Amino acid sequence: MDVAVWAAYLGAGLGAGLATIGAGIGIGNIAAAASEATGRQPEASGDIRTTALIMSALIEGVALFAVVTCFLLQGK
């Protein structure tokens, strides 16, 4: 196997893994902040939940884009 092909596979795997880890950390931080905010102001829980879901969706979108980009670059 050519070294360039091996390096492309390794880079794609590492990039996809780092994107997934980053998304997990980001969503964990959002969940922690939303839980704390709900504990401080229970009457605003609906607004907090909505904002947390929107932010989680944006993070997942960026992570998905990064993973797809890694796998597309793997084939080049």
Protein backbone atom coordinates (compact mmCIF):
# COMPACT_ATOMS: atom_id res chain seq x y z
CA MET A 1 0.00 0.00 0.00
CA ASP A 2 1.29 3.43 -0.96
CA VAL A 3 2.31 5.75 1.88
CA ALA A 4 0.07 8.54 0.58
CA VAL A 5 -2.98 6.26 0.66
CA TRP A 6 -2.12 5.12 4.17
CA ALA A 7 -1.68 8.73 5.30
CA ALA A 8 -5.02 9.70 3.74
CA TYR A 9 -6.80 6.92 5.61
CA LEU A 10 -5.09 7.88 8.86
CA GLY A 11 -5.87 11.57 8.40
CA ALA A 12 -9.51 10.88 7.59
CA GLY A 13 -9.90 8.65 10.62
CA LEU A 14 -8.20 11.09 12.96
CA GLY A 15 -10.15 14.04 11.58
CA ALA A 16 -13.48 12.25 11.91
CA GLY A 17 -12.62 11.15 15.42
CA LEU A 18 -11.57 14.62 16.54
CA ALA A 19 -14.71 16.16 15.04
CA THR A 20 -16.85 13.65 16.92
CA ILE A 21 -15.01 14.24 20.20
CA GLY A 22 -15.32 18.00 19.76
CA ALA A 23 -19.06 17.74 19.14
CA GLY A 24 -19.48 15.57 22.23
CA ILE A 25 -17.61 18.06 24.39
CA GLY A 26 -19.61 20.97 22.98
CA ILE A 27 -22.97 19.30 23.53
CA GLY A 28 -21.89 18.28 27.04
CA ASN A 29 -21.07 21.89 27.84
CA ILE A 30 -24.43 23.01 26.48
CA ALA A 31 -26.27 20.43 28.58
CA ALA A 32 -24.37 21.44 31.72
CA ALA A 33 -25.06 25.12 31.17
CA ALA A 34 -28.74 24.49 30.39
CA SER A 35 -29.15 22.37 33.51
CA GLU A 36 -27.55 25.04 35.66
CA ALA A 37 -29.65 27.79 34.07
CA THR A 38 -32.84 25.78 34.59
CA GLY A 39 -31.90 25.25 38.23
CA ARG A 40 -31.40 28.98 38.70
CA GLN A 41 -34.56 30.04 36.82
CA PRO A 42 -37.07 27.19 36.53
CA GLU A 43 -39.71 29.46 35.00
CA ALA A 44 -37.50 29.97 31.92
CA SER A 45 -36.95 26.26 31.29
CA GLY A 46 -38.85 26.28 27.98
CA ASP A 47 -36.73 29.05 26.51
CA ILE A 48 -33.54 27.49 27.83
CA ARG A 49 -34.46 24.10 26.37
CA THR A 50 -35.23 25.62 22.97
CA THR A 51 -31.94 27.50 22.87
CA ALA A 52 -29.99 24.42 23.97
CA LEU A 53 -31.60 22.28 21.24
CA ILE A 54 -30.81 24.86 18.56
CA MET A 55 -27.18 25.11 19.69
CA SER A 56 -26.88 21.32 19.82
CA ALA A 57 -28.23 21.04 16.28
CA LEU A 58 -25.72 23.63 15.04
CA ILE A 59 -22.84 21.76 16.67
CA GLU A 60 -24.01 18.46 15.19
CA GLY A 61 -24.24 20.08 11.76
CA VAL A 62 -20.66 21.33 11.94
CA ALA A 63 -19.45 17.93 13.18
CA LEU A 64 -21.29 16.11 10.40
CA PHE A 65 -19.80 18.48 7.81
CA ALA A 66 -16.31 17.83 9.20
CA VAL A 67 -16.75 14.05 9.16
CA VAL A 68 -18.12 14.03 5.61
CA THR A 69 -15.26 16.26 4.47
CA CYS A 70 -12.72 13.90 6.05
CA PHE A 71 -14.17 10.89 4.28
CA LEU A 72 -14.41 12.71 0.96
CA LEU A 73 -10.75 13.76 1.20
CA GLN A 74 -9.83 10.17 1.97
CA GLY A 75 -10.84 9.15 -1.55
CA LYS A 76 -8.71 11.81 -3.29
